[in-house]
């Protein structure tokens, strides 16, 4: 049973047995994994506070061949993101981030870009004056990282030119022309030219520069509706707004 070490962000933690916890994490080396923390619920455990959702840490794990469940032996906390537990709005926003990552990534499929996106997303949220916008931009970035980048330059269904009055199709994964919009099994979301421009900028800018984007009113509402419907189409369900055991992973 070899010992492995990795950076990790806790996505979810739930009770298991009388004194243990099962922790779902996104790790830098191994992608999304599950690990059992023996005795983590006991008062004297050194693991308890280090395996709460959102925590960024270094983990020591024992890997058993043929078993997808790791054994967690030690945790060195790097960032607790305590601010999320003191502000319900921030907690809800952070939960949306980790639930999205948990839902769109496969188990044991590492991607450094995803780990970086989640770490930077949580850090941006701490300093954000608009958590809703921060989460929206994070969702757009994650969709791009995972191969679900919204198509905004031509019809995502037939490949034709971008329509004058575009509509966003969650099933096609981007803008569609009027003809293709009528054929979609899921309702499309009409977008103004301003909303299309915002979405294109969010997809093109680096993670550092994208935080400078701002949107309100009609643009904000349209893009939020389009991305929410796309996330539902990609994951197959509405994502919960908490991360304490309600999301099947």
Protein backbone atom coordinates (compact mmCIF):
# COMPACT_ATOMS: atom_id res chain seq x y z
CA UNK A 1 0.00 0.00 0.00
CA UNK A 2 2.19 2.89 -1.27
CA UNK A 3 2.07 6.39 0.20
CA UNK A 4 1.34 9.22 -2.25
CA UNK A 5 1.25 12.97 -1.73
CA UNK A 6 -0.73 15.61 -3.60
CA UNK A 7 -2.26 19.06 -3.39
CA UNK A 8 -6.02 18.83 -3.00
CA UNK A 9 -9.20 20.86 -2.67
CA UNK A 10 -12.01 19.29 -0.67
CA UNK A 11 -15.26 19.13 -2.64
CA UNK A 12 -17.43 17.22 -0.22
CA UNK A 13 -17.22 15.52 3.16
CA UNK A 14 -19.78 13.11 4.61
CA UNK A 15 -20.09 10.85 7.63
CA UNK A 16 -19.16 7.20 7.30
CA UNK A 17 -19.66 4.71 10.08
CA UNK A 18 -19.41 5.75 13.71
CA UNK A 19 -16.30 7.93 13.61
CA UNK A 20 -15.00 8.18 10.03
CA UNK A 21 -15.57 10.45 7.05
CA UNK A 22 -15.52 9.92 3.30
CA UNK A 23 -13.92 12.90 1.61
CA UNK A 24 -14.28 13.72 -2.07
CA UNK A 25 -11.43 15.90 -3.34
CA UNK A 26 -10.09 17.30 -6.55
CA UNK A 27 -6.36 16.66 -6.48
CA UNK A 28 -3.56 17.97 -8.63
CA UNK A 29 -1.99 14.57 -9.28
CA UNK A 30 -4.97 12.22 -9.44
CA UNK A 31 -8.00 14.32 -10.34
CA UNK A 32 -11.24 13.64 -8.46
CA UNK A 33 -10.83 10.95 -5.81
CA UNK A 34 -12.52 9.67 -2.67
CA UNK A 35 -10.65 8.93 0.53
CA UNK A 36 -11.62 7.58 3.92
CA UNK A 37 -10.46 9.58 6.95
CA UNK A 38 -10.40 7.12 9.85
CA UNK A 39 -11.49 8.58 13.18
CA UNK A 40 -11.96 12.07 11.69
CA UNK A 41 -15.12 12.67 13.72
CA UNK A 42 -13.47 11.98 17.05
CA UNK A 43 -12.77 14.99 19.26
CA UNK A 44 -9.00 14.44 19.31
CA UNK A 45 -8.63 13.79 15.59
CA UNK A 46 -6.08 15.92 13.76
CA UNK A 47 -7.99 15.53 10.50
CA UNK A 48 -11.44 16.90 11.33
CA UNK A 49 -11.05 20.62 10.56
CA UNK A 50 -8.75 19.99 7.61
CA UNK A 51 -11.21 18.01 5.51
CA UNK A 52 -14.14 20.41 5.39
CA UNK A 53 -15.41 21.56 1.97
CA UNK A 54 -13.36 24.26 0.20
CA UNK A 55 -10.13 23.56 2.14
CA UNK A 56 -6.94 23.71 0.09
CA UNK A 57 -4.33 21.35 1.50
CA UNK A 58 -1.53 18.85 1.02
CA UNK A 59 -2.67 15.28 1.52
CA UNK A 60 -0.80 12.09 2.37
CA UNK A 61 -2.76 9.17 0.99
CA UNK A 62 -2.34 5.42 0.99
CA UNK A 63 -3.32 3.85 -2.31
CA UNK A 64 -4.48 0.26 -2.37
CA UNK A 65 -4.21 -1.49 -5.77
CA UNK A 66 -7.63 -2.32 -7.17
CA UNK A 67 -9.45 -0.08 -4.71
CA UNK A 68 -10.71 3.35 -5.79
CA UNK A 69 -11.03 4.48 -2.17
CA UNK A 70 -7.82 5.97 -0.78
CA UNK A 71 -6.93 6.09 2.89
CA UNK A 72 -6.16 9.57 4.19
CA UNK A 73 -3.35 9.57 6.73
CA UNK A 74 -2.31 13.21 7.08
CA UNK A 75 -3.42 16.66 5.96
CA UNK A 76 -1.44 19.89 5.95
CA UNK A 77 -3.89 22.77 5.53
CA UNK A 78 -2.79 25.59 3.22
CA UNK A 79 -5.96 27.67 3.04
CA UNK A 80 -9.17 27.12 4.97
CA UNK A 81 -11.23 29.80 3.18
CA UNK A 82 -12.84 30.56 6.52
CA UNK A 83 -14.64 33.57 4.99
CA UNK A 84 -17.03 31.19 3.21
CA UNK A 85 -18.28 29.81 6.52
CA UNK A 86 -18.92 33.29 7.88
CA UNK A 87 -20.97 34.58 4.95
CA UNK A 88 -23.93 32.64 3.54
CA UNK A 89 -23.69 34.36 0.15
CA UNK A 90 -20.03 33.42 -0.22
CA UNK A 91 -20.70 29.87 0.99
CA UNK A 92 -23.44 29.42 -1.60
CA UNK A 93 -21.16 30.76 -4.34
CA UNK A 94 -18.25 28.54 -3.29
CA UNK A 95 -20.56 25.53 -3.10
CA UNK A 96 -21.66 26.18 -6.65
CA UNK A 97 -18.02 26.12 -7.76
CA UNK A 98 -17.10 22.84 -6.10
CA UNK A 99 -20.38 21.17 -7.07
CA UNK A 100 -19.84 22.10 -10.71
CA UNK A 101 -16.32 20.65 -10.71
CA UNK A 102 -17.55 17.50 -8.97
CA UNK A 103 -20.29 17.07 -11.55
CA UNK A 104 -18.34 17.64 -14.78
CA UNK A 105 -15.06 15.82 -14.15
CA UNK A 106 -14.55 12.06 -14.29
CA UNK A 107 -13.02 10.20 -11.38
CA UNK A 108 -9.23 9.74 -11.44
CA UNK A 109 -8.78 12.01 -14.46
CA UNK A 110 -6.28 14.73 -13.46
CA UNK A 111 -6.14 18.08 -15.24
CA UNK A 112 -3.83 20.80 -13.85
CA UNK A 113 -5.91 23.44 -15.63
CA UNK A 114 -9.00 22.38 -13.69
CA UNK A 115 -7.14 22.40 -10.39
CA UNK A 116 -5.81 25.88 -11.17
CA UNK A 117 -9.26 27.09 -12.23
CA UNK A 118 -10.85 25.90 -8.99
CA UNK A 119 -8.08 27.28 -6.77
CA UNK A 120 -8.12 30.65 -8.51
CA UNK A 121 -11.92 30.70 -8.50
CA UNK A 122 -12.10 30.24 -4.74
CA UNK A 123 -9.39 32.84 -4.15
CA UNK A 124 -11.16 35.32 -6.43
CA UNK A 125 -14.38 34.76 -4.56
CA UNK A 126 -12.82 35.82 -1.25
CA UNK A 127 -12.01 39.27 -2.63
CA UNK A 128 -15.03 39.58 -4.91
CA UNK A 129 -17.52 42.42 -4.58
CA UNK A 130 -19.94 40.51 -6.81
CA UNK A 131 -19.95 36.78 -5.93
CA UNK A 132 -22.64 36.05 -8.50
CA UNK A 133 -20.54 37.42 -11.34
CA UNK A 134 -17.45 35.62 -10.06
CA UNK A 135 -19.32 32.32 -10.11
CA UNK A 136 -20.71 33.03 -13.58
CA UNK A 137 -17.22 33.65 -14.98
CA UNK A 138 -15.92 30.56 -13.19
CA UNK A 139 -18.63 28.40 -14.75
CA UNK A 140 -17.80 29.68 -18.23
CA UNK A 141 -14.12 28.90 -17.69
CA UNK A 142 -14.77 25.41 -16.33
CA UNK A 143 -17.02 24.57 -19.28
CA UNK A 144 -14.16 25.54 -21.57
CA UNK A 145 -11.57 23.51 -19.66
CA UNK A 146 -13.70 20.37 -19.72
CA UNK A 147 -14.35 20.45 -23.46
CA UNK A 148 -17.81 22.01 -23.29
CA UNK A 149 -16.71 25.46 -24.46
CA UNK A 150 -19.80 27.30 -25.74
CA UNK A 151 -19.74 27.92 -29.48
CA UNK A 152 -20.27 31.63 -30.15
CA UNK A 153 -18.91 32.27 -33.65
CA UNK A 154 -21.18 30.13 -35.82
CA UNK A 155 -24.28 27.98 -35.49
CA UNK A 156 -23.42 25.13 -33.14
CA UNK A 157 -25.90 22.87 -34.93
CA UNK A 158 -25.50 23.41 -38.69
CA UNK A 159 -22.20 25.32 -38.76
CA UNK A 160 -23.66 28.32 -40.55
CA UNK A 161 -22.81 31.95 -39.90
CA UNK A 162 -23.60 33.45 -36.52
CA UNK A 163 -27.23 34.66 -36.71
CA UNK A 164 -28.22 38.32 -36.43
CA UNK A 165 -30.58 37.63 -33.54
CA UNK A 166 -28.80 34.71 -31.85
CA UNK A 167 -30.27 32.15 -29.54
CA UNK A 168 -28.30 29.91 -27.19
CA UNK A 169 -29.08 26.21 -27.37
CA UNK A 170 -28.12 24.23 -24.23
CA UNK A 171 -28.28 20.95 -26.16
CA UNK A 172 -26.22 22.15 -29.13
CA UNK A 173 -23.75 23.88 -26.82
CA UNK A 174 -23.80 27.37 -28.29
CA UNK A 175 -25.49 29.86 -30.59
CA UNK A 176 -27.88 28.50 -33.17
CA UNK A 177 -29.64 29.99 -36.17
CA UNK A 178 -33.42 30.42 -36.30
CA UNK A 179 -33.94 27.23 -38.31
CA UNK A 180 -31.91 25.09 -35.92
CA UNK A 181 -33.46 26.78 -32.86
CA UNK A 182 -36.89 25.49 -33.89
CA UNK A 183 -35.53 21.93 -33.98
CA UNK A 184 -34.07 21.91 -30.47
CA UNK A 185 -35.70 19.62 -27.91
CA UNK A 186 -34.75 22.02 -25.11
CA UNK A 187 -35.85 25.66 -25.10
CA UNK A 188 -33.26 28.11 -26.42
CA UNK A 189 -32.26 31.35 -24.70
CA UNK A 190 -32.39 34.55 -26.82
CA UNK A 191 -29.21 36.62 -26.48
CA UNK A 192 -28.58 40.26 -27.30
CA UNK A 193 -25.42 41.25 -29.17
CA UNK A 194 -24.07 42.61 -25.88
CA UNK A 195 -24.55 39.23 -24.21
CA UNK A 196 -22.77 37.46 -27.07
CA UNK A 197 -19.87 39.91 -26.83
CA UNK A 198 -19.61 39.38 -23.07
CA UNK A 199 -19.62 35.61 -23.47
CA UNK A 200 -16.95 35.77 -26.16
CA UNK A 201 -14.71 37.95 -23.99
CA UNK A 202 -15.15 35.65 -21.01
CA UNK A 203 -14.07 32.69 -23.14
CA UNK A 204 -11.04 34.44 -24.66
CA UNK A 205 -9.48 36.32 -21.76
CA UNK A 206 -6.94 34.76 -19.41
CA UNK A 207 -7.95 33.90 -15.85
CA UNK A 208 -6.17 37.03 -14.63
CA UNK A 209 -7.91 39.42 -17.01
CA UNK A 210 -11.35 37.82 -17.00
CA UNK A 211 -11.95 39.08 -13.46
CA UNK A 212 -12.03 42.61 -14.86
CA UNK A 213 -15.18 41.91 -16.85
CA UNK A 214 -18.43 43.35 -15.60
CA UNK A 215 -22.02 42.83 -16.58
CA UNK A 216 -25.40 43.93 -15.34
CA UNK A 217 -29.01 44.28 -16.38
CA UNK A 218 -30.09 42.46 -19.52
CA UNK A 219 -26.63 41.12 -20.37
CA UNK A 220 -26.13 39.62 -16.92
CA UNK A 221 -29.58 38.06 -16.88
CA UNK A 222 -29.31 36.55 -20.36
CA UNK A 223 -25.84 35.06 -19.87
CA UNK A 224 -26.74 33.64 -16.45
CA UNK A 225 -29.83 31.98 -17.91
CA UNK A 226 -27.89 30.58 -20.87
CA UNK A 227 -25.05 29.19 -18.74
CA UNK A 228 -27.41 27.75 -16.13
CA UNK A 229 -29.38 25.92 -18.81
CA UNK A 230 -26.14 24.69 -20.40
CA UNK A 231 -24.83 23.37 -17.07
CA UNK A 232 -28.11 21.47 -16.61
CA UNK A 233 -27.77 19.99 -20.10
CA UNK A 234 -24.13 18.98 -19.51
CA UNK A 235 -24.59 17.49 -16.02
CA UNK A 236 -28.11 16.17 -16.48
CA UNK A 237 -29.40 17.78 -13.29
CA UNK A 238 -29.80 20.96 -11.29
CA UNK A 239 -26.76 21.39 -9.07
CA UNK A 240 -27.48 21.90 -5.36
CA UNK A 241 -26.35 25.09 -3.64
CA UNK A 242 -24.55 23.27 -0.85
CA UNK A 243 -21.75 20.70 -0.66
CA UNK A 244 -22.46 18.82 2.55
CA UNK A 245 -23.46 15.43 1.27
CA UNK A 246 -26.36 16.19 -1.09
CA UNK A 247 -24.53 15.81 -4.40
CA UNK A 248 -24.16 12.22 -5.65
CA UNK A 249 -20.54 11.77 -6.76
